[in-house]
Amino acid sequence: MHKLYLCLSLLISITTSCNTDSDYNSDNLLKAFNLLSPEERIWAHKVNSLDLIKERVSDFKGIEVDIFYNQEKDNFEIKHEIETSGIDLECFLDSILQVKDLYFWFDYKNLNTNTDSGISKLYSILSERELEKKSFIESYFAKKLDGFKGKLATSFWLSIIDIPEEKSERDKLYQKKYKYIEDYNITMLSANFRMYEFITEYFPNYKCNYWIFNELTDHKAANLKKLIASPNVNVIIIDGNKNPLK
């Protein structure tokens, strides 16, 4: 009888563990994004103001927003630089969601400070508006993104660098500067579109979010179409008010 009890306890423990792990599965966190069509994967870059908001969002399914957490006020401000003042995130979301139902890419600029309270507050803001499955959090601070594990999709921001043409040199670069990424609990990667070949080669199991800034030249437009056709790409943000795939 004692052995039976131990077996049942072990079975319950394993089942609970399996269920918990499935909650952390990146496929579950990205399910809504996976349903987007190619044209819906083109989003608007740096929508940090309600000025001209209809023009900025009318052609896009999603937008990128820069946010900073203020622990003293226990709120998030939308702005690109910490020294400036910005609009309250909750006011922004409530206003913009009246205009259009959107997906969100949040660039969390100061995730490295007051991390736990910031993560708790941001998740509360998004869950109250049922945006958990329609948002992801980007940050340069990979270790801190672990706090969102199982709650929100995350994306680790990679700075752009010159990629060597020689395979042996690329291997050295990967081993020296990027291999550690696989040790973190992150859902996706984020990078400039010029990093696409390198990321696809060394991180084939990660989806990636890319940015293409400034004027959409013929060269950039060709890369945009190439990237958006790739199964490894989640979304791409661009400047301007028009979606070139529409």
C-alpha atoms as a PDB file:
ATOM      1  CA  MET A   1       0.000   0.000   0.000  1.00  0.00           C
ATOM      2  CA  HIS A   2       2.861   2.309   0.867  1.00  0.00           C
ATOM      3  CA  LYS A   3       4.529   1.568  -2.506  1.00  0.00           C
ATOM      4  CA  LEU A   4       1.248   2.278  -4.315  1.00  0.00           C
ATOM      5  CA  TYR A   5       0.970   5.640  -2.576  1.00  0.00           C
ATOM      6  CA  LEU A   6       4.539   6.533  -3.567  1.00  0.00           C
ATOM      7  CA  CYS A   7       3.859   5.568  -7.191  1.00  0.00           C
ATOM      8  CA  LEU A   8       0.705   7.662  -7.316  1.00  0.00           C
ATOM      9  CA  SER A   9       2.512  10.609  -5.759  1.00  0.00           C
ATOM     10  CA  LEU A  10       5.326  10.301  -8.310  1.00  0.00           C
ATOM     11  CA  LEU A  11       2.811  10.109 -11.159  1.00  0.00           C
ATOM     12  CA  ILE A  12       1.041  13.259  -9.967  1.00  0.00           C
ATOM     13  CA  SER A  13       4.380  15.031  -9.615  1.00  0.00           C
ATOM     14  CA  ILE A  14       5.459  14.069 -13.148  1.00  0.00           C
ATOM     15  CA  THR A  15       2.105  15.092 -14.623  1.00  0.00           C
ATOM     16  CA  THR A  16       2.226  18.455 -12.878  1.00  0.00           C
ATOM     17  CA  SER A  17       5.784  19.002 -14.070  1.00  0.00           C
ATOM     18  CA  CYS A  18       4.862  18.147 -17.650  1.00  0.00           C
ATOM     19  CA  ASN A  19       1.921  20.521 -17.579  1.00  0.00           C
ATOM     20  CA  THR A  20       4.109  23.301 -16.243  1.00  0.00           C
ATOM     21  CA  ASP A  21       6.742  22.740 -18.915  1.00  0.00           C
ATOM     22  CA  SER A  22       4.114  22.858 -21.647  1.00  0.00           C
ATOM     23  CA  ASP A  23       3.069  26.297 -20.398  1.00  0.00           C
ATOM     24  CA  TYR A  24       6.621  27.459 -21.078  1.00  0.00           C
ATOM     25  CA  ASN A  25       6.633  26.042 -24.593  1.00  0.00           C
ATOM     26  CA  SER A  26       7.478  28.786 -27.078  1.00  0.00           C
ATOM     27  CA  ASP A  27       4.948  27.378 -29.560  1.00  0.00           C
ATOM     28  CA  ASN A  28       2.169  28.169 -27.089  1.00  0.00           C
ATOM     29  CA  LEU A  29       3.443  31.694 -26.512  1.00  0.00           C
ATOM     30  CA  LEU A  30       3.755  32.326 -30.258  1.00  0.00           C
ATOM     31  CA  LYS A  31       0.549  30.622 -31.343  1.00  0.00           C
ATOM     32  CA  ALA A  32      -1.299  33.852 -32.175  1.00  0.00           C
ATOM     33  CA  PHE A  33       1.693  35.226 -34.087  1.00  0.00           C
ATOM     34  CA  ASN A  34       1.972  32.041 -36.129  1.00  0.00           C
ATOM     35  CA  LEU A  35      -1.533  32.656 -37.473  1.00  0.00           C
ATOM     36  CA  LEU A  36      -0.583  36.007 -39.014  1.00  0.00           C
ATOM     37  CA  SER A  37      -0.358  36.245 -42.789  1.00  0.00           C
ATOM     38  CA  PRO A  38       2.854  37.582 -44.409  1.00  0.00           C
ATOM     39  CA  GLU A  39       1.434  41.078 -44.839  1.00  0.00           C
ATOM     40  CA  GLU A  40       0.273  41.094 -41.206  1.00  0.00           C
ATOM     41  CA  ARG A  41       3.857  40.431 -40.081  1.00  0.00           C
ATOM     42  CA  ILE A  42       4.935  43.885 -41.256  1.00  0.00           C
ATOM     43  CA  TRP A  43       4.520  46.258 -38.302  1.00  0.00           C
ATOM     44  CA  ALA A  44       5.062  49.966 -37.670  1.00  0.00           C
ATOM     45  CA  HIS A  45       8.289  51.017 -35.955  1.00  0.00           C
ATOM     46  CA  LYS A  46       8.462  53.341 -32.934  1.00  0.00           C
ATOM     47  CA  VAL A  47       4.825  54.247 -32.415  1.00  0.00           C
ATOM     48  CA  ASN A  48       5.519  56.227 -29.234  1.00  0.00           C
ATOM     49  CA  SER A  49       2.859  58.899 -29.499  1.00  0.00           C
ATOM     50  CA  LEU A  50      -0.873  59.286 -30.051  1.00  0.00           C
ATOM     51  CA  ASP A  51      -0.182  62.058 -32.560  1.00  0.00           C
ATOM     52  CA  LEU A  52      -1.265  60.999 -36.045  1.00  0.00           C
ATOM     53  CA  ILE A  53      -2.063  57.597 -34.577  1.00  0.00           C
ATOM     54  CA  LYS A  54      -4.668  56.681 -37.193  1.00  0.00           C
ATOM     55  CA  GLU A  55      -2.145  57.277 -39.964  1.00  0.00           C
ATOM     56  CA  ARG A  56       0.509  55.187 -38.208  1.00  0.00           C
ATOM     57  CA  VAL A  57      -1.634  52.127 -37.470  1.00  0.00           C
ATOM     58  CA  SER A  58      -4.247  51.963 -40.235  1.00  0.00           C
ATOM     59  CA  ASP A  59      -2.037  49.898 -42.562  1.00  0.00           C
ATOM     60  CA  PHE A  60      -0.487  47.600 -39.932  1.00  0.00           C
ATOM     61  CA  LYS A  61      -1.532  44.676 -37.757  1.00  0.00           C
ATOM     62  CA  GLY A  62       1.013  45.465 -35.064  1.00  0.00           C
ATOM     63  CA  ILE A  63       3.293  48.196 -33.732  1.00  0.00           C
ATOM     64  CA  GLU A  64       6.584  48.553 -31.843  1.00  0.00           C
ATOM     65  CA  VAL A  65       6.534  50.680 -28.679  1.00  0.00           C
ATOM     66  CA  ASP A  66       9.441  51.808 -26.441  1.00  0.00           C
ATOM     67  CA  ILE A  67       8.738  51.624 -22.705  1.00  0.00           C
ATOM     68  CA  PHE A  68      10.446  52.527 -19.416  1.00  0.00           C
ATOM     69  CA  TYR A  69       9.302  51.418 -15.966  1.00  0.00           C
ATOM     70  CA  ASN A  70       9.075  54.066 -13.223  1.00  0.00           C
ATOM     71  CA  GLN A  71       9.108  52.307  -9.847  1.00  0.00           C
ATOM     72  CA  GLU A  72       8.334  55.488  -7.901  1.00  0.00           C
ATOM     73  CA  LYS A  73       5.056  55.931  -9.803  1.00  0.00           C
ATOM     74  CA  ASP A  74       4.633  52.186 -10.465  1.00  0.00           C
ATOM     75  CA  ASN A  75       3.823  52.860 -14.093  1.00  0.00           C
ATOM     76  CA  PHE A  76       5.295  52.569 -17.566  1.00  0.00           C
ATOM     77  CA  GLU A  77       6.059  55.539 -19.771  1.00  0.00           C
ATOM     78  CA  ILE A  78       6.283  55.377 -23.542  1.00  0.00           C
ATOM     79  CA  LYS A  79       9.454  57.082 -24.720  1.00  0.00           C
ATOM     80  CA  HIS A  80      12.723  56.272 -26.474  1.00  0.00           C
ATOM     81  CA  GLU A  81      15.134  58.011 -24.089  1.00  0.00           C
ATOM     82  CA  ILE A  82      15.023  57.841 -20.296  1.00  0.00           C
ATOM     83  CA  GLU A  83      15.710  61.577 -19.832  1.00  0.00           C
ATOM     84  CA  THR A  84      12.569  62.621 -21.703  1.00  0.00           C
ATOM     85  CA  SER A  85       8.965  62.521 -20.525  1.00  0.00           C
ATOM     86  CA  GLY A  86       6.421  60.213 -22.107  1.00  0.00           C
ATOM     87  CA  ILE A  87       2.793  59.166 -22.174  1.00  0.00           C
ATOM     88  CA  ASP A  88       1.477  56.634 -19.641  1.00  0.00           C
ATOM     89  CA  LEU A  89       1.354  53.154 -21.179  1.00  0.00           C
ATOM     90  CA  GLU A  90      -2.115  52.320 -19.862  1.00  0.00           C
ATOM     91  CA  CYS A  91      -3.597  55.547 -21.226  1.00  0.00           C
ATOM     92  CA  PHE A  92      -1.862  54.886 -24.531  1.00  0.00           C
ATOM     93  CA  LEU A  93      -3.201  51.336 -24.812  1.00  0.00           C
ATOM     94  CA  ASP A  94      -6.736  52.299 -23.851  1.00  0.00           C
ATOM     95  CA  SER A  95      -6.700  55.064 -26.451  1.00  0.00           C
ATOM     96  CA  ILE A  96      -5.096  53.125 -29.279  1.00  0.00           C
ATOM     97  CA  LEU A  97      -7.232  50.015 -28.813  1.00  0.00           C
ATOM     98  CA  GLN A  98     -10.296  52.172 -29.427  1.00  0.00           C
ATOM     99  CA  VAL A  99      -8.848  52.946 -32.856  1.00  0.00           C
ATOM    100  CA  LYS A 100      -7.749  49.443 -33.850  1.00  0.00           C
ATOM    101  CA  ASP A 101      -7.212  45.930 -32.498  1.00  0.00           C
ATOM    102  CA  LEU A 102      -3.430  45.494 -32.595  1.00  0.00           C
ATOM    103  CA  TYR A 103      -0.465  43.291 -31.738  1.00  0.00           C
ATOM    104  CA  PHE A 104       2.430  44.799 -29.769  1.00  0.00           C
ATOM    105  CA  TRP A 105       6.237  44.599 -29.714  1.00  0.00           C
ATOM    106  CA  PHE A 106       7.366  46.255 -26.460  1.00  0.00           C
ATOM    107  CA  ASP A 107      10.995  47.352 -26.329  1.00  0.00           C
ATOM    108  CA  TYR A 108      11.540  47.315 -22.549  1.00  0.00           C
ATOM    109  CA  LYS A 109      14.435  49.747 -22.233  1.00  0.00           C
ATOM    110  CA  ASN A 110      15.258  49.525 -18.508  1.00  0.00           C
ATOM    111  CA  LEU A 111      14.408  45.930 -17.650  1.00  0.00           C
ATOM    112  CA  ASN A 112      17.679  45.769 -15.705  1.00  0.00           C
ATOM    113  CA  THR A 113      16.362  48.088 -12.953  1.00  0.00           C
ATOM    114  CA  ASN A 114      13.559  47.178 -10.516  1.00  0.00           C
ATOM    115  CA  THR A 115      13.076  44.054 -12.598  1.00  0.00           C
ATOM    116  CA  ASP A 116      10.596  42.069 -10.509  1.00  0.00           C
ATOM    117  CA  SER A 117       8.182  44.931  -9.869  1.00  0.00           C
ATOM    118  CA  GLY A 118       8.407  46.040 -13.495  1.00  0.00           C
ATOM    119  CA  ILE A 119       7.654  42.558 -14.822  1.00  0.00           C
ATOM    120  CA  SER A 120       4.707  42.170 -12.446  1.00  0.00           C
ATOM    121  CA  LYS A 121       3.277  45.564 -13.419  1.00  0.00           C
ATOM    122  CA  LEU A 122       3.672  45.038 -17.155  1.00  0.00           C
ATOM    123  CA  TYR A 123       2.063  41.607 -17.071  1.00  0.00           C
ATOM    124  CA  SER A 124      -0.832  43.054 -15.063  1.00  0.00           C
ATOM    125  CA  ILE A 125      -1.324  45.853 -17.598  1.00  0.00           C
ATOM    126  CA  LEU A 126      -1.358  43.462 -20.548  1.00  0.00           C
ATOM    127  CA  SER A 127      -3.462  40.730 -18.942  1.00  0.00           C
ATOM    128  CA  GLU A 128      -6.141  43.240 -17.914  1.00  0.00           C
ATOM    129  CA  ARG A 129      -6.496  44.104 -21.606  1.00  0.00           C
ATOM    130  CA  GLU A 130      -6.187  40.479 -22.782  1.00  0.00           C
ATOM    131  CA  LEU A 131      -2.991  41.243 -24.661  1.00  0.00           C
ATOM    132  CA  GLU A 132      -0.796  38.449 -23.242  1.00  0.00           C
ATOM    133  CA  LYS A 133      -0.980  36.382 -26.440  1.00  0.00           C
ATOM    134  CA  LYS A 134      -0.748  39.404 -28.732  1.00  0.00           C
ATOM    135  CA  SER A 135       2.402  40.957 -27.286  1.00  0.00           C
ATOM    136  CA  PHE A 136       6.058  40.148 -26.825  1.00  0.00           C
ATOM    137  CA  ILE A 137       8.752  41.818 -24.737  1.00  0.00           C
ATOM    138  CA  GLU A 138      12.128  42.734 -26.185  1.00  0.00           C
ATOM    139  CA  SER A 139      15.218  43.590 -24.152  1.00  0.00           C
ATOM    140  CA  TYR A 140      19.003  43.660 -24.336  1.00  0.00           C
ATOM    141  CA  PHE A 141      19.108  42.106 -20.842  1.00  0.00           C
ATOM    142  CA  ALA A 142      18.689  38.426 -21.664  1.00  0.00           C
ATOM    143  CA  LYS A 143      18.932  37.109 -18.100  1.00  0.00           C
ATOM    144  CA  LYS A 144      16.201  39.454 -16.908  1.00  0.00           C
ATOM    145  CA  LEU A 145      13.798  38.256 -19.623  1.00  0.00           C
ATOM    146  CA  ASP A 146      13.614  34.997 -17.691  1.00  0.00           C
ATOM    147  CA  GLY A 147      11.135  36.711 -15.378  1.00  0.00           C
ATOM    148  CA  PHE A 148       8.507  36.576 -18.134  1.00  0.00           C
ATOM    149  CA  LYS A 149       8.931  32.833 -18.601  1.00  0.00           C
ATOM    150  CA  GLY A 150       5.597  31.147 -19.228  1.00  0.00           C
ATOM    151  CA  LYS A 151       3.734  34.468 -19.130  1.00  0.00           C
ATOM    152  CA  LEU A 152       4.741  36.421 -22.213  1.00  0.00           C
ATOM    153  CA  ALA A 153       6.826  35.780 -25.309  1.00  0.00           C
ATOM    154  CA  THR A 154      10.265  37.399 -25.157  1.00  0.00           C
ATOM    155  CA  SER A 155      12.861  38.527 -27.656  1.00  0.00           C
ATOM    156  CA  PHE A 156      16.575  39.135 -26.983  1.00  0.00           C
ATOM    157  CA  TRP A 157      17.915  42.231 -28.763  1.00  0.00           C
ATOM    158  CA  LEU A 158      21.165  41.669 -30.694  1.00  0.00           C
ATOM    159  CA  SER A 159      23.318  44.614 -31.760  1.00  0.00           C
ATOM    160  CA  ILE A 160      24.378  44.711 -35.397  1.00  0.00           C
ATOM    161  CA  ILE A 161      27.979  43.721 -36.158  1.00  0.00           C
ATOM    162  CA  ASP A 162      30.035  42.949 -39.242  1.00  0.00           C
ATOM    163  CA  ILE A 163      29.674  39.255 -40.089  1.00  0.00           C
ATOM    164  CA  PRO A 164      32.785  37.496 -41.494  1.00  0.00           C
ATOM    165  CA  GLU A 165      32.477  35.906 -44.925  1.00  0.00           C
ATOM    166  CA  GLU A 166      34.628  32.914 -43.982  1.00  0.00           C
ATOM    167  CA  LYS A 167      32.741  30.075 -42.300  1.00  0.00           C
ATOM    168  CA  SER A 168      35.604  29.394 -39.890  1.00  0.00           C
ATOM    169  CA  GLU A 169      35.578  33.017 -38.748  1.00  0.00           C
ATOM    170  CA  ARG A 170      31.814  32.979 -38.313  1.00  0.00           C
ATOM    171  CA  ASP A 171      32.153  29.842 -36.192  1.00  0.00           C
ATOM    172  CA  LYS A 172      34.675  31.618 -33.965  1.00  0.00           C
ATOM    173  CA  LEU A 173      32.381  34.625 -33.667  1.00  0.00           C
ATOM    174  CA  TYR A 174      29.464  32.412 -32.677  1.00  0.00           C
ATOM    175  CA  GLN A 175      31.512  30.538 -30.061  1.00  0.00           C
ATOM    176  CA  LYS A 176      32.954  33.725 -28.595  1.00  0.00           C
ATOM    177  CA  LYS A 177      29.966  36.089 -28.569  1.00  0.00           C
ATOM    178  CA  TYR A 178      26.691  34.256 -29.181  1.00  0.00           C
ATOM    179  CA  LYS A 179      26.719  30.625 -28.056  1.00  0.00           C
ATOM    180  CA  TYR A 180      25.696  31.664 -24.521  1.00  0.00           C
ATOM    181  CA  ILE A 181      22.282  32.735 -25.848  1.00  0.00           C
ATOM    182  CA  GLU A 182      21.139  29.123 -25.898  1.00  0.00           C
ATOM    183  CA  ASP A 183      21.423  29.019 -22.091  1.00  0.00           C
ATOM    184  CA  TYR A 184      18.721  31.658 -21.589  1.00  0.00           C
ATOM    185  CA  ASN A 185      14.952  31.232 -21.373  1.00  0.00           C
ATOM    186  CA  ILE A 186      14.094  33.472 -24.302  1.00  0.00           C
ATOM    187  CA  THR A 187      11.446  32.864 -26.932  1.00  0.00           C
ATOM    188  CA  MET A 188      12.909  34.764 -29.891  1.00  0.00           C
ATOM    189  CA  LEU A 189      15.751  36.976 -31.101  1.00  0.00           C
ATOM    190  CA  SER A 190      15.625  40.538 -32.481  1.00  0.00           C
ATOM    191  CA  ALA A 191      18.097  42.079 -34.906  1.00  0.00           C
ATOM    192  CA  ASN A 192      18.754  44.364 -37.851  1.00  0.00           C
ATOM    193  CA  PHE A 193      17.771  42.695 -41.140  1.00  0.00           C
ATOM    194  CA  ARG A 194      21.453  42.508 -42.126  1.00  0.00           C
ATOM    195  CA  MET A 195      21.947  39.884 -39.406  1.00  0.00           C
ATOM    196  CA  TYR A 196      19.432  37.509 -41.035  1.00  0.00           C
ATOM    197  CA  GLU A 197      21.876  35.093 -42.698  1.00  0.00           C
ATOM    198  CA  PHE A 198      24.023  34.737 -39.576  1.00  0.00           C
ATOM    199  CA  ILE A 199      21.064  34.219 -37.237  1.00  0.00           C
ATOM    200  CA  THR A 200      19.420  31.717 -39.565  1.00  0.00           C
ATOM    201  CA  GLU A 201      22.679  29.778 -39.833  1.00  0.00           C
ATOM    202  CA  TYR A 202      23.496  29.599 -36.125  1.00  0.00           C
ATOM    203  CA  PHE A 203      20.069  29.799 -34.511  1.00  0.00           C
ATOM    204  CA  PRO A 204      17.776  27.816 -36.836  1.00  0.00           C
ATOM    205  CA  ASN A 205      15.465  26.850 -33.971  1.00  0.00           C
ATOM    206  CA  TYR A 206      14.690  30.439 -32.983  1.00  0.00           C
ATOM    207  CA  LYS A 207      12.222  32.732 -34.625  1.00  0.00           C
ATOM    208  CA  CYS A 208      13.542  36.241 -35.046  1.00  0.00           C
ATOM    209  CA  ASN A 209      12.097  39.740 -35.235  1.00  0.00           C
ATOM    210  CA  TYR A 210      13.852  42.170 -37.562  1.00  0.00           C
ATOM    211  CA  TRP A 211      13.915  45.897 -38.163  1.00  0.00           C
ATOM    212  CA  ILE A 212      14.396  47.780 -41.429  1.00  0.00           C
ATOM    213  CA  PHE A 213      14.658  51.498 -40.688  1.00  0.00           C
ATOM    214  CA  ASN A 214      14.498  54.732 -42.676  1.00  0.00           C
ATOM    215  CA  GLU A 215      13.541  54.876 -46.353  1.00  0.00           C
ATOM    216  CA  LEU A 216      12.511  51.553 -47.885  1.00  0.00           C
ATOM    217  CA  THR A 217      14.943  51.468 -50.828  1.00  0.00           C
ATOM    218  CA  ASP A 218      14.730  48.832 -53.561  1.00  0.00           C
ATOM    219  CA  HIS A 219      17.478  46.863 -51.794  1.00  0.00           C
ATOM    220  CA  LYS A 220      15.629  46.955 -48.474  1.00  0.00           C
ATOM    221  CA  ALA A 221      12.322  46.116 -50.127  1.00  0.00           C
ATOM    222  CA  ALA A 222      13.889  43.037 -51.736  1.00  0.00           C
ATOM    223  CA  ASN A 223      15.235  41.939 -48.348  1.00  0.00           C
ATOM    224  CA  LEU A 224      11.861  42.568 -46.759  1.00  0.00           C
ATOM    225  CA  LYS A 225      10.145  40.189 -49.169  1.00  0.00           C
ATOM    226  CA  LYS A 226      12.884  37.602 -48.658  1.00  0.00           C
ATOM    227  CA  LEU A 227      12.662  37.737 -44.885  1.00  0.00           C
ATOM    228  CA  ILE A 228       8.890  37.718 -44.662  1.00  0.00           C
ATOM    229  CA  ALA A 229       8.789  34.488 -46.669  1.00  0.00           C
ATOM    230  CA  SER A 230      11.079  32.739 -44.175  1.00  0.00           C
ATOM    231  CA  PRO A 231       9.570  30.401 -41.536  1.00  0.00           C
ATOM    232  CA  ASN A 232      12.240  31.665 -39.100  1.00  0.00           C
ATOM    233  CA  VAL A 233      10.893  35.218 -39.137  1.00  0.00           C
ATOM    234  CA  ASN A 234       8.212  36.369 -36.711  1.00  0.00           C
ATOM    235  CA  VAL A 235       7.631  40.044 -37.569  1.00  0.00           C
ATOM    236  CA  ILE A 236       9.485  42.952 -39.200  1.00  0.00           C
ATOM    237  CA  ILE A 237       9.130  46.604 -38.203  1.00  0.00           C
ATOM    238  CA  ILE A 238       9.542  49.443 -40.704  1.00  0.00           C
ATOM    239  CA  ASP A 239       9.269  53.224 -40.711  1.00  0.00           C
ATOM    240  CA  GLY A 240       6.522  55.146 -42.427  1.00  0.00           C
ATOM    241  CA  ASN A 241       2.754  54.755 -42.602  1.00  0.00           C
ATOM    242  CA  LYS A 242       2.394  52.270 -45.457  1.00  0.00           C
ATOM    243  CA  ASN A 243       2.647  48.495 -45.538  1.00  0.00           C
ATOM    244  CA  PRO A 244       4.459  47.624 -48.815  1.00  0.00           C
ATOM    245  CA  LEU A 245       2.863  44.178 -48.951  1.00  0.00           C
ATOM    246  CA  LYS A 246      -0.664  45.565 -49.059  1.00  0.00           C
END
